[in-house]
Amino acid sequence: MAEDRETRLRRLHMRSIRRGIKEMDLILGRFAVTDLPGLPEAELDLYEALLAENDHDLYAWIAGAAPVPDRYAALIARIGAGAVGVVRPA
């Protein structure tokens, strides 16, 4: 049985707030609440792939401490824009 959109959004939200490090819980949790519902399916697929990445890599990408893989560049920029005050000073 195929997962409906609402169920998928709830699952992705849960995966966003249950990370390995607290900073990523805060950053991805905020993004999941504010931006996830408006993403088209293709971007949800990309976000789901992003959630499979290592938390330390994700944090480094968002903080600008490591180069972002091309496939995630736009998504990381969008997540990072909402992370001001969590990762970057305001």
N, C-alpha and C. Protein backbone atom coordinates (compact mmCIF):
# COMPACT_ATOMS: atom_id res chain seq x y z
N MET A 1 0.84 -1.18 0.00
CA MET A 1 0.00 0.00 0.00
C MET A 1 0.89 1.25 0.00
N ALA A 2 0.59 2.17 -0.85
CA ALA A 2 1.38 3.39 -0.97
C ALA A 2 1.09 4.32 0.22
N GLU A 3 2.12 4.99 0.64
CA GLU A 3 2.02 5.94 1.74
C GLU A 3 1.40 7.25 1.23
N ASP A 4 0.38 7.76 1.92
CA ASP A 4 -0.20 9.03 1.47
C ASP A 4 0.70 10.19 1.91
N ARG A 5 0.48 11.35 1.34
CA ARG A 5 1.34 12.51 1.59
C ARG A 5 1.38 12.89 3.07
N GLU A 6 0.23 12.92 3.71
CA GLU A 6 0.18 13.32 5.12
C GLU A 6 0.98 12.37 6.01
N THR A 7 0.88 11.09 5.75
CA THR A 7 1.65 10.10 6.51
C THR A 7 3.14 10.29 6.25
N ARG A 8 3.49 10.54 5.01
CA ARG A 8 4.89 10.76 4.67
C ARG A 8 5.44 12.00 5.37
N LEU A 9 4.68 13.07 5.37
CA LEU A 9 5.11 14.30 6.05
C LEU A 9 5.31 14.06 7.54
N ARG A 10 4.41 13.32 8.17
CA ARG A 10 4.56 13.01 9.60
C ARG A 10 5.82 12.18 9.85
N ARG A 11 6.06 11.20 8.98
CA ARG A 11 7.26 10.36 9.13
C ARG A 11 8.53 11.18 8.96
N LEU A 12 8.56 12.03 7.94
CA LEU A 12 9.74 12.87 7.71
C LEU A 12 9.94 13.87 8.85
N HIS A 13 8.85 14.39 9.38
CA HIS A 13 8.96 15.29 10.54
C HIS A 13 9.58 14.54 11.72
N MET A 14 9.12 13.34 11.99
CA MET A 14 9.66 12.56 13.10
C MET A 14 11.15 12.28 12.89
N ARG A 15 11.52 11.93 11.68
CA ARG A 15 12.94 11.68 11.39
C ARG A 15 13.76 12.96 11.49
N SER A 16 13.13 14.10 11.30
CA SER A 16 13.82 15.38 11.39
C SER A 16 14.12 15.78 12.83
N ILE A 17 13.25 15.40 13.75
CA ILE A 17 13.43 15.81 15.15
C ILE A 17 14.08 14.74 16.01
N ARG A 18 14.34 13.59 15.46
CA ARG A 18 14.98 12.49 16.19
C ARG A 18 16.31 12.15 15.53
N ARG A 19 17.24 13.08 15.62
CA ARG A 19 18.54 12.94 14.98
C ARG A 19 19.57 12.46 16.00
N GLY A 20 20.82 12.41 15.58
CA GLY A 20 21.89 11.98 16.48
C GLY A 20 22.46 13.10 17.33
N ILE A 21 22.30 14.35 16.89
CA ILE A 21 22.79 15.48 17.67
C ILE A 21 21.69 16.53 17.80
N LYS A 22 21.64 17.16 18.96
CA LYS A 22 20.55 18.08 19.28
C LYS A 22 20.44 19.23 18.30
N GLU A 23 21.59 19.76 17.85
CA GLU A 23 21.55 20.87 16.90
C GLU A 23 20.78 20.50 15.64
N MET A 24 20.97 19.28 15.17
CA MET A 24 20.25 18.84 13.97
C MET A 24 18.77 18.64 14.26
N ASP A 25 18.43 18.20 15.47
CA ASP A 25 17.01 18.13 15.86
C ASP A 25 16.35 19.50 15.71
N LEU A 26 17.04 20.52 16.20
CA LEU A 26 16.49 21.88 16.16
C LEU A 26 16.41 22.43 14.75
N ILE A 27 17.48 22.26 13.99
CA ILE A 27 17.54 22.81 12.63
C ILE A 27 16.54 22.12 11.72
N LEU A 28 16.61 20.79 11.67
CA LEU A 28 15.73 20.05 10.76
C LEU A 28 14.29 20.04 11.26
N GLY A 29 14.10 20.07 12.57
CA GLY A 29 12.75 20.14 13.11
C GLY A 29 12.05 21.43 12.70
N ARG A 30 12.78 22.53 12.78
CA ARG A 30 12.22 23.83 12.36
C ARG A 30 11.88 23.80 10.87
N PHE A 31 12.80 23.27 10.07
CA PHE A 31 12.56 23.18 8.63
C PHE A 31 11.35 22.30 8.34
N ALA A 32 11.24 21.18 9.04
CA ALA A 32 10.12 20.26 8.81
C ALA A 32 8.78 20.93 9.08
N VAL A 33 8.72 21.75 10.11
CA VAL A 33 7.47 22.43 10.45
C VAL A 33 7.15 23.54 9.46
N THR A 34 8.16 24.34 9.11
CA THR A 34 7.89 25.54 8.31
C THR A 34 7.87 25.29 6.81
N ASP A 35 8.72 24.40 6.30
CA ASP A 35 8.88 24.28 4.85
C ASP A 35 8.42 22.95 4.25
N LEU A 36 8.50 21.88 5.01
CA LEU A 36 8.22 20.56 4.46
C LEU A 36 6.84 20.45 3.82
N PRO A 37 5.77 20.95 4.44
CA PRO A 37 4.45 20.80 3.84
C PRO A 37 4.31 21.40 2.44
N GLY A 38 5.11 22.41 2.13
CA GLY A 38 5.01 23.06 0.83
C GLY A 38 5.91 22.48 -0.25
N LEU A 39 6.73 21.50 0.10
CA LEU A 39 7.64 20.93 -0.89
C LEU A 39 6.92 19.99 -1.84
N PRO A 40 7.25 20.05 -3.13
CA PRO A 40 6.71 19.07 -4.08
C PRO A 40 7.34 17.70 -3.83
N GLU A 41 6.74 16.67 -4.39
CA GLU A 41 7.19 15.29 -4.15
C GLU A 41 8.67 15.09 -4.48
N ALA A 42 9.15 15.66 -5.57
CA ALA A 42 10.56 15.48 -5.95
C ALA A 42 11.49 16.04 -4.87
N GLU A 43 11.12 17.17 -4.28
CA GLU A 43 11.95 17.74 -3.22
C GLU A 43 11.81 16.95 -1.92
N LEU A 44 10.64 16.37 -1.68
CA LEU A 44 10.50 15.48 -0.52
C LEU A 44 11.41 14.27 -0.68
N ASP A 45 11.50 13.75 -1.91
CA ASP A 45 12.41 12.62 -2.17
C ASP A 45 13.85 13.02 -1.84
N LEU A 46 14.25 14.21 -2.26
CA LEU A 46 15.61 14.69 -2.00
C LEU A 46 15.82 14.90 -0.50
N TYR A 47 14.83 15.46 0.19
CA TYR A 47 14.94 15.66 1.64
C TYR A 47 15.06 14.32 2.35
N GLU A 48 14.30 13.34 1.89
CA GLU A 48 14.39 12.02 2.51
C GLU A 48 15.78 11.43 2.32
N ALA A 49 16.37 11.62 1.16
CA ALA A 49 17.75 11.16 0.93
C ALA A 49 18.72 11.92 1.83
N LEU A 50 18.48 13.21 2.01
CA LEU A 50 19.33 14.03 2.88
C LEU A 50 19.29 13.50 4.32
N LEU A 51 18.12 13.07 4.77
CA LEU A 51 17.99 12.56 6.13
C LEU A 51 18.81 11.29 6.36
N ALA A 52 19.18 10.61 5.29
CA ALA A 52 20.00 9.40 5.42
C ALA A 52 21.49 9.73 5.58
N GLU A 53 21.85 10.99 5.38
CA GLU A 53 23.25 11.40 5.50
C GLU A 53 23.64 11.50 6.98
N ASN A 54 24.94 11.44 7.22
CA ASN A 54 25.50 11.54 8.56
C ASN A 54 25.22 12.93 9.16
N ASP A 55 24.79 12.97 10.42
CA ASP A 55 24.47 14.24 11.08
C ASP A 55 25.64 15.20 11.13
N HIS A 56 26.83 14.70 11.35
CA HIS A 56 27.99 15.58 11.42
C HIS A 56 28.28 16.22 10.06
N ASP A 57 28.07 15.46 9.00
CA ASP A 57 28.22 16.02 7.65
C ASP A 57 27.15 17.09 7.41
N LEU A 58 25.90 16.77 7.77
CA LEU A 58 24.81 17.73 7.59
C LEU A 58 25.10 19.03 8.32
N TYR A 59 25.54 18.92 9.55
CA TYR A 59 25.83 20.11 10.34
C TYR A 59 26.95 20.93 9.69
N ALA A 60 27.99 20.26 9.24
CA ALA A 60 29.11 20.96 8.59
C ALA A 60 28.64 21.65 7.32
N TRP A 61 27.78 21.01 6.54
CA TRP A 61 27.26 21.63 5.31
C TRP A 61 26.45 22.87 5.64
N ILE A 62 25.56 22.75 6.62
CA ILE A 62 24.68 23.87 6.97
C ILE A 62 25.48 25.01 7.58
N ALA A 63 26.49 24.69 8.37
CA ALA A 63 27.32 25.71 9.02
C ALA A 63 28.32 26.33 8.06
N GLY A 64 28.45 25.75 6.87
CA GLY A 64 29.41 26.28 5.91
C GLY A 64 30.83 25.83 6.16
N ALA A 65 31.00 24.79 6.98
CA ALA A 65 32.33 24.30 7.33
C ALA A 65 32.85 23.24 6.37
N ALA A 66 32.00 22.76 5.48
CA ALA A 66 32.40 21.74 4.51
C ALA A 66 31.63 21.98 3.22
N PRO A 67 32.23 21.60 2.09
CA PRO A 67 31.52 21.77 0.81
C PRO A 67 30.27 20.88 0.75
N VAL A 68 29.22 21.43 0.19
CA VAL A 68 27.95 20.71 0.07
C VAL A 68 27.92 19.97 -1.26
N PRO A 69 27.54 18.68 -1.26
CA PRO A 69 27.38 17.98 -2.54
C PRO A 69 26.37 18.73 -3.43
N ASP A 70 26.66 18.77 -4.70
CA ASP A 70 25.83 19.53 -5.65
C ASP A 70 24.35 19.18 -5.56
N ARG A 71 24.04 17.90 -5.40
CA ARG A 71 22.63 17.49 -5.41
C ARG A 71 21.85 18.09 -4.24
N TYR A 72 22.55 18.44 -3.15
CA TYR A 72 21.88 18.99 -1.98
C TYR A 72 22.04 20.50 -1.83
N ALA A 73 22.76 21.15 -2.71
CA ALA A 73 23.14 22.56 -2.52
C ALA A 73 21.93 23.47 -2.28
N ALA A 74 20.92 23.40 -3.12
CA ALA A 74 19.76 24.29 -2.97
C ALA A 74 18.98 23.98 -1.69
N LEU A 75 18.83 22.71 -1.38
CA LEU A 75 18.10 22.31 -0.19
C LEU A 75 18.85 22.73 1.08
N ILE A 76 20.15 22.54 1.11
CA ILE A 76 20.96 22.95 2.26
C ILE A 76 20.90 24.47 2.43
N ALA A 77 20.93 25.21 1.32
CA ALA A 77 20.82 26.67 1.41
C ALA A 77 19.48 27.07 2.03
N ARG A 78 18.43 26.39 1.64
CA ARG A 78 17.10 26.69 2.18
C ARG A 78 17.01 26.35 3.67
N ILE A 79 17.55 25.19 4.04
CA ILE A 79 17.56 24.80 5.45
C ILE A 79 18.43 25.77 6.25
N GLY A 80 19.59 26.11 5.71
CA GLY A 80 20.51 27.01 6.39
C GLY A 80 19.92 28.39 6.62
N ALA A 81 19.10 28.85 5.69
CA ALA A 81 18.47 30.17 5.84
C ALA A 81 17.58 30.22 7.08
N GLY A 82 16.99 29.10 7.43
CA GLY A 82 16.15 29.03 8.62
C GLY A 82 16.91 28.68 9.88
N ALA A 83 18.21 28.42 9.74
CA ALA A 83 19.01 27.99 10.88
C ALA A 83 19.77 29.14 11.54
N VAL A 84 19.54 30.35 11.09
CA VAL A 84 20.21 31.50 11.70
C VAL A 84 19.84 31.55 13.17
N GLY A 85 20.84 31.67 14.00
CA GLY A 85 20.62 31.68 15.44
C GLY A 85 20.83 30.32 16.06
N VAL A 86 20.75 29.26 15.26
CA VAL A 86 21.03 27.91 15.75
C VAL A 86 22.45 27.53 15.37
N VAL A 87 22.80 27.74 14.11
CA VAL A 87 24.13 27.40 13.61
C VAL A 87 24.97 28.65 13.46
N ARG A 88 24.37 29.68 12.92
CA ARG A 88 25.07 30.93 12.64
C ARG A 88 24.51 32.03 13.52
N PRO A 89 25.37 32.93 13.98
CA PRO A 89 24.84 34.05 14.76
C PRO A 89 23.90 34.91 13.91
N ALA A 90 22.93 35.49 14.54
CA ALA A 90 21.97 36.34 13.82
C ALA A 90 22.62 37.62 13.33
